[in-house]
Amino acid sequence: MKDNIVLRWALSAVMILVIVIGSYSVYAKYAEPSINEHANHGGEQKTTDSSDTKENEKHGDGHGDHSESHGNVSKNSDITPTLHYKNNLIHIELKDKEGNPVEELEINHEKLMHLIIVNDDLQQYYHLHPVNKGKGVFVIQHQLKDGHYKAFVDIKPKDKNYVVQPLSFEAGNGGTHGGHATIKPDAAFTKTINGHTVTMNPDTFKSNEEMVLDFDLKNVKPEPYLGALGHVVILDEGGDKYVHVHPLSETDTKFATKFDRPGIYKIWGEFKINGKVNVYPFVVEVK
């Protein structure tokens, strides 16, 4: 009798053990993937946070520095310039699409770089030539009045495509920024600067037509300037479309160009007379 009771208790204990083991196996089978799933999601979230932090740090570079400008990305350009202005120093860096400095430049009209700067209302105009410091860096000292400006880095790289794009930046506190003021076409195309008069022909302009800008210096022959008798820079009213034109030949002051679309444009003709470069501005309407 006593032996039967012991045997029953033993069988009961075995059955309870079997039930416990089976229940744990079922729990482990269904609960374990859920734990691993949360662990994986946690890892992915951590990676995403790290990536976002790096991206924010990257975009944070230069925030608050209104005197720094990065060139607009153009699919046709292999080079992106960066311009920084501080304490009257203009600092320019040239980098390729991989972020490497661009050093291989060809001399273009006696200079490696021509830098054109205009202010918002296109009343201030500067044609500068920064000094090459190596490793894609160019610098020049030049004082600008407080305001908003656009710069055009004009270079001729070796074996690389380059499209000139406007670089917007500020000098000083920048002042009030209201975009470009409306400029009105000139009624006549004769200007006198420093006692020397220049007339520009023609007096009508049509888009999508090849044309020649002929500057009459009134029997005064300009002196050679940067490898030519003159230089012409053209901008649209918004200061975005940039054209730098050189004379048709070494002996005259005629410049071939073409206006892609109708609108208001400003033309600056540069001529060196008696050792001084005079800049003649003209505003035209292209129809």
C-alpha atoms as a PDB file:
ATOM      1  CA  MET A   1       0.000   0.000   0.000  1.00  0.00           C
ATOM      2  CA  LYS A   2       2.788   2.343   1.009  1.00  0.00           C
ATOM      3  CA  ASP A   3       4.756   1.448  -2.143  1.00  0.00           C
ATOM      4  CA  ASN A   4       1.711   2.254  -4.364  1.00  0.00           C
ATOM      5  CA  ILE A   5       1.414   5.740  -2.842  1.00  0.00           C
ATOM      6  CA  VAL A   6       5.117   6.454  -3.482  1.00  0.00           C
ATOM      7  CA  LEU A   7       4.767   5.230  -7.070  1.00  0.00           C
ATOM      8  CA  ARG A   8       1.749   7.501  -7.682  1.00  0.00           C
ATOM      9  CA  TRP A   9       3.660  10.523  -6.314  1.00  0.00           C
ATOM     10  CA  ALA A  10       6.616   9.710  -8.526  1.00  0.00           C
ATOM     11  CA  LEU A  11       4.417   9.428 -11.640  1.00  0.00           C
ATOM     12  CA  SER A  12       2.674  12.705 -10.723  1.00  0.00           C
ATOM     13  CA  ALA A  13       6.027  14.486 -10.377  1.00  0.00           C
ATOM     14  CA  VAL A  14       7.181  13.180 -13.762  1.00  0.00           C
ATOM     15  CA  MET A  15       3.953  14.334 -15.420  1.00  0.00           C
ATOM     16  CA  ILE A  16       4.251  17.811 -13.840  1.00  0.00           C
ATOM     17  CA  LEU A  17       7.876  18.050 -15.064  1.00  0.00           C
ATOM     18  CA  VAL A  18       6.823  17.056 -18.588  1.00  0.00           C
ATOM     19  CA  ILE A  19       4.047  19.693 -18.579  1.00  0.00           C
ATOM     20  CA  VAL A  20       6.463  22.419 -17.389  1.00  0.00           C
ATOM     21  CA  ILE A  21       9.099  21.560 -20.009  1.00  0.00           C
ATOM     22  CA  GLY A  22       6.488  21.478 -22.772  1.00  0.00           C
ATOM     23  CA  SER A  23       5.005  24.806 -21.748  1.00  0.00           C
ATOM     24  CA  TYR A  24       8.449  26.457 -21.743  1.00  0.00           C
ATOM     25  CA  SER A  25       9.216  25.077 -25.194  1.00  0.00           C
ATOM     26  CA  VAL A  26       5.985  26.524 -26.585  1.00  0.00           C
ATOM     27  CA  TYR A  27       6.714  29.918 -24.956  1.00  0.00           C
ATOM     28  CA  ALA A  28      10.269  29.987 -26.271  1.00  0.00           C
ATOM     29  CA  LYS A  29       9.101  29.112 -29.782  1.00  0.00           C
ATOM     30  CA  TYR A  30       6.659  32.059 -30.035  1.00  0.00           C
ATOM     31  CA  ALA A  31       8.155  34.617 -27.686  1.00  0.00           C
ATOM     32  CA  GLU A  32      11.820  34.496 -28.792  1.00  0.00           C
ATOM     33  CA  PRO A  33      11.334  35.934 -32.317  1.00  0.00           C
ATOM     34  CA  SER A  34       9.472  38.862 -30.797  1.00  0.00           C
ATOM     35  CA  ILE A  35      12.442  39.643 -28.543  1.00  0.00           C
ATOM     36  CA  ASN A  36      14.895  39.424 -31.436  1.00  0.00           C
ATOM     37  CA  GLU A  37      12.616  41.664 -33.499  1.00  0.00           C
ATOM     38  CA  HIS A  38      12.735  44.412 -30.870  1.00  0.00           C
ATOM     39  CA  ALA A  39      16.481  44.015 -30.591  1.00  0.00           C
ATOM     40  CA  ASN A  40      16.921  44.472 -34.360  1.00  0.00           C
ATOM     41  CA  HIS A  41      14.641  47.514 -34.463  1.00  0.00           C
ATOM     42  CA  GLY A  42      16.578  49.011 -31.646  1.00  0.00           C
ATOM     43  CA  GLY A  43      19.814  48.554 -33.564  1.00  0.00           C
ATOM     44  CA  GLU A  44      18.366  50.131 -36.701  1.00  0.00           C
ATOM     45  CA  GLN A  45      17.066  53.077 -34.719  1.00  0.00           C
ATOM     46  CA  LYS A  46      20.488  53.647 -33.244  1.00  0.00           C
ATOM     47  CA  THR A  47      22.076  53.641 -36.685  1.00  0.00           C
ATOM     48  CA  THR A  48      19.485  56.099 -37.990  1.00  0.00           C
ATOM     49  CA  ASP A  49      20.055  58.451 -35.067  1.00  0.00           C
ATOM     50  CA  SER A  50      23.801  58.392 -35.668  1.00  0.00           C
ATOM     51  CA  SER A  51      23.320  59.112 -39.361  1.00  0.00           C
ATOM     52  CA  ASP A  52      20.930  61.976 -38.661  1.00  0.00           C
ATOM     53  CA  THR A  53      23.409  63.495 -36.225  1.00  0.00           C
ATOM     54  CA  LYS A  54      26.185  63.443 -38.807  1.00  0.00           C
ATOM     55  CA  GLU A  55      23.858  64.944 -41.402  1.00  0.00           C
ATOM     56  CA  ASN A  56      22.808  67.703 -39.007  1.00  0.00           C
ATOM     57  CA  GLU A  57      26.426  68.433 -38.181  1.00  0.00           C
ATOM     58  CA  LYS A  58      27.206  68.625 -41.892  1.00  0.00           C
ATOM     59  CA  HIS A  59      24.342  71.024 -42.604  1.00  0.00           C
ATOM     60  CA  GLY A  60      25.195  72.974 -39.475  1.00  0.00           C
ATOM     61  CA  ASP A  61      28.592  73.980 -40.873  1.00  0.00           C
ATOM     62  CA  GLY A  62      28.510  77.638 -41.793  1.00  0.00           C
ATOM     63  CA  HIS A  63      25.095  78.388 -40.272  1.00  0.00           C
ATOM     64  CA  GLY A  64      25.024  81.912 -38.957  1.00  0.00           C
ATOM     65  CA  ASP A  65      27.933  82.957 -41.200  1.00  0.00           C
ATOM     66  CA  HIS A  66      26.209  85.122 -43.797  1.00  0.00           C
ATOM     67  CA  SER A  67      29.450  86.010 -45.556  1.00  0.00           C
ATOM     68  CA  GLU A  68      30.033  82.492 -46.844  1.00  0.00           C
ATOM     69  CA  SER A  69      28.545  81.172 -50.045  1.00  0.00           C
ATOM     70  CA  HIS A  70      28.668  77.781 -51.731  1.00  0.00           C
ATOM     71  CA  GLY A  71      28.315  77.600 -55.469  1.00  0.00           C
ATOM     72  CA  ASN A  72      25.109  76.262 -56.933  1.00  0.00           C
ATOM     73  CA  VAL A  73      25.439  72.699 -58.131  1.00  0.00           C
ATOM     74  CA  SER A  74      25.246  72.343 -61.891  1.00  0.00           C
ATOM     75  CA  LYS A  75      25.072  68.974 -63.604  1.00  0.00           C
ATOM     76  CA  ASN A  76      27.277  70.403 -66.357  1.00  0.00           C
ATOM     77  CA  SER A  77      29.981  71.627 -63.984  1.00  0.00           C
ATOM     78  CA  ASP A  78      32.745  69.516 -62.439  1.00  0.00           C
ATOM     79  CA  ILE A  79      33.815  72.309 -60.091  1.00  0.00           C
ATOM     80  CA  THR A  80      32.048  74.056 -57.217  1.00  0.00           C
ATOM     81  CA  PRO A  81      33.577  77.257 -55.802  1.00  0.00           C
ATOM     82  CA  THR A  82      33.085  78.474 -52.234  1.00  0.00           C
ATOM     83  CA  LEU A  83      33.464  82.151 -51.341  1.00  0.00           C
ATOM     84  CA  HIS A  84      34.033  83.584 -47.870  1.00  0.00           C
ATOM     85  CA  TYR A  85      34.225  87.304 -47.081  1.00  0.00           C
ATOM     86  CA  LYS A  86      35.494  88.606 -43.749  1.00  0.00           C
ATOM     87  CA  ASN A  87      37.546  91.618 -42.664  1.00  0.00           C
ATOM     88  CA  ASN A  88      37.782  92.825 -46.286  1.00  0.00           C
ATOM     89  CA  LEU A  89      39.351  89.525 -47.351  1.00  0.00           C
ATOM     90  CA  ILE A  90      37.759  87.511 -50.143  1.00  0.00           C
ATOM     91  CA  HIS A  91      38.676  83.842 -49.835  1.00  0.00           C
ATOM     92  CA  ILE A  92      37.749  81.402 -52.614  1.00  0.00           C
ATOM     93  CA  GLU A  93      38.161  77.623 -52.716  1.00  0.00           C
ATOM     94  CA  LEU A  94      37.745  75.468 -55.815  1.00  0.00           C
ATOM     95  CA  LYS A  95      36.786  71.808 -55.359  1.00  0.00           C
ATOM     96  CA  ASP A  96      35.708  69.033 -57.691  1.00  0.00           C
ATOM     97  CA  LYS A  97      32.751  66.697 -57.206  1.00  0.00           C
ATOM     98  CA  GLU A  98      34.817  64.443 -54.937  1.00  0.00           C
ATOM     99  CA  GLY A  99      35.794  67.356 -52.716  1.00  0.00           C
ATOM    100  CA  ASN A 100      39.372  67.536 -53.968  1.00  0.00           C
ATOM    101  CA  PRO A 101      41.045  70.927 -54.560  1.00  0.00           C
ATOM    102  CA  VAL A 102      41.185  72.066 -58.189  1.00  0.00           C
ATOM    103  CA  GLU A 103      44.611  73.387 -59.118  1.00  0.00           C
ATOM    104  CA  GLU A 104      44.905  72.818 -62.868  1.00  0.00           C
ATOM    105  CA  LEU A 105      43.723  76.078 -64.421  1.00  0.00           C
ATOM    106  CA  GLU A 106      44.611  77.698 -67.728  1.00  0.00           C
ATOM    107  CA  ILE A 107      45.542  81.346 -68.026  1.00  0.00           C
ATOM    108  CA  ASN A 108      42.606  83.211 -69.517  1.00  0.00           C
ATOM    109  CA  HIS A 109      43.349  86.777 -70.663  1.00  0.00           C
ATOM    110  CA  GLU A 110      46.507  87.004 -68.560  1.00  0.00           C
ATOM    111  CA  LYS A 111      44.855  85.756 -65.350  1.00  0.00           C
ATOM    112  CA  LEU A 112      44.001  82.413 -63.753  1.00  0.00           C
ATOM    113  CA  MET A 113      40.840  83.873 -62.255  1.00  0.00           C
ATOM    114  CA  HIS A 114      38.545  86.788 -63.035  1.00  0.00           C
ATOM    115  CA  LEU A 115      36.184  87.638 -60.183  1.00  0.00           C
ATOM    116  CA  ILE A 116      33.146  89.782 -60.981  1.00  0.00           C
ATOM    117  CA  ILE A 117      31.182  91.203 -58.036  1.00  0.00           C
ATOM    118  CA  VAL A 118      27.949  93.217 -58.178  1.00  0.00           C
ATOM    119  CA  ASN A 119      25.568  94.409 -55.478  1.00  0.00           C
ATOM    120  CA  ASP A 120      21.803  93.888 -55.322  1.00  0.00           C
ATOM    121  CA  ASP A 121      20.764  96.814 -57.476  1.00  0.00           C
ATOM    122  CA  LEU A 122      23.630  96.313 -59.965  1.00  0.00           C
ATOM    123  CA  GLN A 123      24.984  99.795 -59.216  1.00  0.00           C
ATOM    124  CA  GLN A 124      28.301  98.584 -57.801  1.00  0.00           C
ATOM    125  CA  TYR A 125      30.563  96.601 -60.098  1.00  0.00           C
ATOM    126  CA  TYR A 126      34.037  95.172 -59.470  1.00  0.00           C
ATOM    127  CA  HIS A 127      36.362  93.180 -61.720  1.00  0.00           C
ATOM    128  CA  LEU A 128      39.053  91.627 -59.497  1.00  0.00           C
ATOM    129  CA  HIS A 129      41.864  89.107 -59.893  1.00  0.00           C
ATOM    130  CA  PRO A 130      42.459  87.017 -56.733  1.00  0.00           C
ATOM    131  CA  VAL A 131      45.931  85.648 -56.036  1.00  0.00           C
ATOM    132  CA  ASN A 132      46.565  81.904 -56.318  1.00  0.00           C
ATOM    133  CA  LYS A 133      47.654  80.455 -52.969  1.00  0.00           C
ATOM    134  CA  GLY A 134      47.758  76.852 -54.149  1.00  0.00           C
ATOM    135  CA  LYS A 135      45.561  73.836 -53.452  1.00  0.00           C
ATOM    136  CA  GLY A 136      42.580  75.510 -55.097  1.00  0.00           C
ATOM    137  CA  VAL A 137      42.658  78.590 -52.846  1.00  0.00           C
ATOM    138  CA  PHE A 138      42.543  82.179 -54.145  1.00  0.00           C
ATOM    139  CA  VAL A 139      42.472  85.340 -52.011  1.00  0.00           C
ATOM    140  CA  ILE A 140      42.290  89.096 -52.459  1.00  0.00           C
ATOM    141  CA  GLN A 141      41.852  92.072 -50.166  1.00  0.00           C
ATOM    142  CA  HIS A 142      38.970  94.315 -51.193  1.00  0.00           C
ATOM    143  CA  GLN A 143      36.726  96.539 -49.119  1.00  0.00           C
ATOM    144  CA  LEU A 144      32.998  96.365 -49.815  1.00  0.00           C
ATOM    145  CA  LYS A 145      30.248  98.542 -48.389  1.00  0.00           C
ATOM    146  CA  ASP A 146      27.682  96.798 -46.184  1.00  0.00           C
ATOM    147  CA  GLY A 147      25.174  95.049 -48.381  1.00  0.00           C
ATOM    148  CA  HIS A 148      24.231  91.980 -50.365  1.00  0.00           C
ATOM    149  CA  TYR A 149      26.357  90.895 -53.293  1.00  0.00           C
ATOM    150  CA  LYS A 150      26.725  88.278 -55.984  1.00  0.00           C
ATOM    151  CA  ALA A 151      30.091  87.034 -57.166  1.00  0.00           C
ATOM    152  CA  PHE A 152      30.984  85.232 -60.387  1.00  0.00           C
ATOM    153  CA  VAL A 153      34.144  83.120 -60.363  1.00  0.00           C
ATOM    154  CA  ASP A 154      35.359  83.076 -63.959  1.00  0.00           C
ATOM    155  CA  ILE A 155      38.003  80.379 -64.542  1.00  0.00           C
ATOM    156  CA  LYS A 156      39.157  78.035 -67.299  1.00  0.00           C
ATOM    157  CA  PRO A 157      40.014  74.619 -65.792  1.00  0.00           C
ATOM    158  CA  LYS A 158      42.090  72.016 -67.576  1.00  0.00           C
ATOM    159  CA  ASP A 159      40.215  68.853 -68.608  1.00  0.00           C
ATOM    160  CA  LYS A 160      37.144  69.728 -66.537  1.00  0.00           C
ATOM    161  CA  ASN A 161      33.759  71.246 -67.334  1.00  0.00           C
ATOM    162  CA  TYR A 162      32.859  74.435 -65.531  1.00  0.00           C
ATOM    163  CA  VAL A 163      29.720  76.588 -65.515  1.00  0.00           C
ATOM    164  CA  VAL A 164      29.837  80.028 -63.869  1.00  0.00           C
ATOM    165  CA  GLN A 165      27.140  80.291 -61.202  1.00  0.00           C
ATOM    166  CA  PRO A 166      26.274  83.282 -58.964  1.00  0.00           C
ATOM    167  CA  LEU A 167      27.566  83.160 -55.384  1.00  0.00           C
ATOM    168  CA  SER A 168      25.460  85.256 -53.003  1.00  0.00           C
ATOM    169  CA  PHE A 169      27.134  86.704 -49.912  1.00  0.00           C
ATOM    170  CA  GLU A 170      26.950  89.620 -47.491  1.00  0.00           C
ATOM    171  CA  ALA A 171      29.389  92.327 -46.492  1.00  0.00           C
ATOM    172  CA  GLY A 172      29.143  93.764 -42.986  1.00  0.00           C
ATOM    173  CA  ASN A 173      25.646  93.494 -41.533  1.00  0.00           C
ATOM    174  CA  GLY A 174      24.159  93.168 -44.998  1.00  0.00           C
ATOM    175  CA  GLY A 175      21.661  95.979 -44.464  1.00  0.00           C
ATOM    176  CA  THR A 176      18.109  95.658 -45.720  1.00  0.00           C
ATOM    177  CA  HIS A 177      17.671  92.863 -48.227  1.00  0.00           C
ATOM    178  CA  GLY A 178      14.904  93.536 -50.681  1.00  0.00           C
ATOM    179  CA  GLY A 179      16.229  91.785 -53.755  1.00  0.00           C
ATOM    180  CA  HIS A 180      17.231  93.571 -56.915  1.00  0.00           C
ATOM    181  CA  ALA A 181      15.762  96.999 -57.425  1.00  0.00           C
ATOM    182  CA  THR A 182      14.098  97.545 -60.761  1.00  0.00           C
ATOM    183  CA  ILE A 183      16.519  98.898 -63.327  1.00  0.00           C
ATOM    184  CA  LYS A 184      15.276 100.909 -66.282  1.00  0.00           C
ATOM    185  CA  PRO A 185      16.635 100.724 -69.832  1.00  0.00           C
ATOM    186  CA  ASP A 186      18.746 103.662 -70.946  1.00  0.00           C
ATOM    187  CA  ALA A 187      17.139 106.068 -73.399  1.00  0.00           C
ATOM    188  CA  ALA A 188      20.514 106.636 -75.109  1.00  0.00           C
ATOM    189  CA  PHE A 189      23.700 104.579 -75.204  1.00  0.00           C
ATOM    190  CA  THR A 190      26.338 107.271 -74.817  1.00  0.00           C
ATOM    191  CA  LYS A 191      28.242 107.572 -71.528  1.00  0.00           C
ATOM    192  CA  THR A 192      31.109 109.802 -70.380  1.00  0.00           C
ATOM    193  CA  ILE A 193      33.453 108.475 -67.691  1.00  0.00           C
ATOM    194  CA  ASN A 194      36.523 110.390 -66.479  1.00  0.00           C
ATOM    195  CA  GLY A 195      36.210 112.772 -69.409  1.00  0.00           C
ATOM    196  CA  HIS A 196      36.093 110.040 -72.054  1.00  0.00           C
ATOM    197  CA  THR A 197      32.915 109.357 -74.022  1.00  0.00           C
ATOM    198  CA  VAL A 198      31.798 105.990 -75.389  1.00  0.00           C
ATOM    199  CA  THR A 199      28.767 105.176 -77.522  1.00  0.00           C
ATOM    200  CA  MET A 200      27.436 101.623 -77.791  1.00  0.00           C
ATOM    201  CA  ASN A 201      25.646 100.356 -80.896  1.00  0.00           C
ATOM    202  CA  PRO A 202      23.099  99.058 -81.808  1.00  0.00           C
ATOM    203  CA  ASP A 203      20.223 100.726 -79.968  1.00  0.00           C
ATOM    204  CA  THR A 204      17.707  97.883 -80.355  1.00  0.00           C
ATOM    205  CA  PHE A 205      18.084  94.314 -79.121  1.00  0.00           C
ATOM    206  CA  LYS A 206      16.317  91.071 -80.002  1.00  0.00           C
ATOM    207  CA  SER A 207      16.545  87.723 -78.249  1.00  0.00           C
ATOM    208  CA  ASN A 208      17.962  84.581 -79.861  1.00  0.00           C
ATOM    209  CA  GLU A 209      19.833  86.546 -82.508  1.00  0.00           C
ATOM    210  CA  GLU A 210      23.586  86.779 -82.925  1.00  0.00           C
ATOM    211  CA  MET A 211      24.605  90.402 -82.626  1.00  0.00           C
ATOM    212  CA  VAL A 212      27.692  92.587 -82.319  1.00  0.00           C
ATOM    213  CA  LEU A 213      28.106  95.244 -79.637  1.00  0.00           C
ATOM    214  CA  ASP A 214      30.186  98.010 -81.219  1.00  0.00           C
ATOM    215  CA  PHE A 215      31.760 100.523 -78.827  1.00  0.00           C
ATOM    216  CA  ASP A 216      32.782 103.840 -80.377  1.00  0.00           C
ATOM    217  CA  LEU A 217      35.480 105.552 -78.287  1.00  0.00           C
ATOM    218  CA  LYS A 218      35.421 108.780 -80.359  1.00  0.00           C
ATOM    219  CA  ASN A 219      38.799 108.457 -82.066  1.00  0.00           C
ATOM    220  CA  VAL A 220      40.493 107.312 -78.865  1.00  0.00           C
ATOM    221  CA  LYS A 221      42.222 103.970 -79.111  1.00  0.00           C
ATOM    222  CA  PRO A 222      42.130 102.075 -75.813  1.00  0.00           C
ATOM    223  CA  GLU A 223      45.289 100.522 -74.421  1.00  0.00           C
ATOM    224  CA  PRO A 224      45.707  96.743 -74.209  1.00  0.00           C
ATOM    225  CA  TYR A 225      44.038  95.483 -71.050  1.00  0.00           C
ATOM    226  CA  LEU A 226      44.252  91.847 -69.962  1.00  0.00           C
ATOM    227  CA  GLY A 227      45.272  90.766 -73.443  1.00  0.00           C
ATOM    228  CA  ALA A 228      42.559  92.697 -75.311  1.00  0.00           C
ATOM    229  CA  LEU A 229      41.379  96.207 -76.154  1.00  0.00           C
ATOM    230  CA  GLY A 230      38.420  95.797 -73.840  1.00  0.00           C
ATOM    231  CA  HIS A 231      36.153  93.468 -71.913  1.00  0.00           C
ATOM    232  CA  VAL A 232      32.367  93.244 -71.658  1.00  0.00           C
ATOM    233  CA  VAL A 233      30.333  91.650 -68.868  1.00  0.00           C
ATOM    234  CA  ILE A 234      26.580  91.133 -69.193  1.00  0.00           C
ATOM    235  CA  LEU A 235      24.071  90.242 -66.454  1.00  0.00           C
ATOM    236  CA  ASP A 236      20.328  89.856 -66.542  1.00  0.00           C
ATOM    237  CA  GLU A 237      18.190  91.980 -64.221  1.00  0.00           C
ATOM    238  CA  GLY A 238      18.157  89.298 -61.534  1.00  0.00           C
ATOM    239  CA  GLY A 239      21.944  88.969 -61.550  1.00  0.00           C
ATOM    240  CA  ASP A 240      21.832  85.266 -62.423  1.00  0.00           C
ATOM    241  CA  LYS A 241      22.676  84.990 -66.121  1.00  0.00           C
ATOM    242  CA  TYR A 242      26.382  85.819 -66.575  1.00  0.00           C
ATOM    243  CA  VAL A 243      28.243  86.440 -69.833  1.00  0.00           C
ATOM    244  CA  HIS A 244      31.862  87.589 -70.208  1.00  0.00           C
ATOM    245  CA  VAL A 245      32.634  88.688 -73.766  1.00  0.00           C
ATOM    246  CA  HIS A 246      35.952  89.475 -75.436  1.00  0.00           C
ATOM    247  CA  PRO A 247      36.579  91.451 -78.653  1.00  0.00           C
ATOM    248  CA  LEU A 248      36.207  89.829 -82.061  1.00  0.00           C
ATOM    249  CA  SER A 249      39.806  90.741 -82.854  1.00  0.00           C
ATOM    250  CA  GLU A 250      42.885  92.303 -81.278  1.00  0.00           C
ATOM    251  CA  THR A 251      42.426  95.539 -83.213  1.00  0.00           C
ATOM    252  CA  ASP A 252      38.836  96.629 -82.552  1.00  0.00           C
ATOM    253  CA  THR A 253      36.233  97.086 -79.828  1.00  0.00           C
ATOM    254  CA  LYS A 254      33.452  94.951 -81.258  1.00  0.00           C
ATOM    255  CA  PHE A 255      31.983  92.119 -79.181  1.00  0.00           C
ATOM    256  CA  ALA A 256      29.778  89.291 -80.465  1.00  0.00           C
ATOM    257  CA  THR A 257      27.062  88.025 -78.132  1.00  0.00           C
ATOM    258  CA  LYS A 258      23.538  86.627 -77.963  1.00  0.00           C
ATOM    259  CA  PHE A 259      20.661  87.190 -75.532  1.00  0.00           C
ATOM    260  CA  ASP A 260      18.857  83.907 -74.899  1.00  0.00           C
ATOM    261  CA  ARG A 261      15.548  85.409 -73.817  1.00  0.00           C
ATOM    262  CA  PRO A 262      13.731  88.760 -73.592  1.00  0.00           C
ATOM    263  CA  GLY A 263      14.236  90.929 -70.534  1.00  0.00           C
ATOM    264  CA  ILE A 264      16.274  93.721 -68.968  1.00  0.00           C
ATOM    265  CA  TYR A 265      20.060  93.354 -69.025  1.00  0.00           C
ATOM    266  CA  LYS A 266      22.985  95.410 -67.813  1.00  0.00           C
ATOM    267  CA  ILE A 267      26.173  95.661 -69.849  1.00  0.00           C
ATOM    268  CA  TRP A 268      29.518  96.867 -68.513  1.00  0.00           C
ATOM    269  CA  GLY A 269      32.148  97.811 -71.072  1.00  0.00           C
ATOM    270  CA  GLU A 270      35.705  98.066 -69.719  1.00  0.00           C
ATOM    271  CA  PHE A 271      38.350 100.077 -71.578  1.00  0.00           C
ATOM    272  CA  LYS A 272      41.789 101.255 -70.474  1.00  0.00           C
ATOM    273  CA  ILE A 273      42.508 104.880 -71.398  1.00  0.00           C
ATOM    274  CA  ASN A 274      45.617 106.798 -70.284  1.00  0.00           C
ATOM    275  CA  GLY A 275      46.555 104.016 -67.891  1.00  0.00           C
ATOM    276  CA  LYS A 276      43.164 103.894 -66.158  1.00  0.00           C
ATOM    277  CA  VAL A 277      40.394 101.341 -66.663  1.00  0.00           C
ATOM    278  CA  ASN A 278      37.051 103.050 -67.222  1.00  0.00           C
ATOM    279  CA  VAL A 279      33.831 101.067 -66.825  1.00  0.00           C
ATOM    280  CA  TYR A 280      30.849 102.140 -68.958  1.00  0.00           C
ATOM    281  CA  PRO A 281      27.462 100.766 -67.788  1.00  0.00           C
ATOM    282  CA  PHE A 282      24.481 100.411 -70.115  1.00  0.00           C
ATOM    283  CA  VAL A 283      20.990  99.045 -69.372  1.00  0.00           C
ATOM    284  CA  VAL A 284      19.160  97.554 -72.353  1.00  0.00           C
ATOM    285  CA  GLU A 285      15.802  95.930 -73.001  1.00  0.00           C
ATOM    286  CA  VAL A 286      15.867  92.788 -75.105  1.00  0.00           C
ATOM    287  CA  LYS A 287      12.615  92.034 -76.891  1.00  0.00           C
END
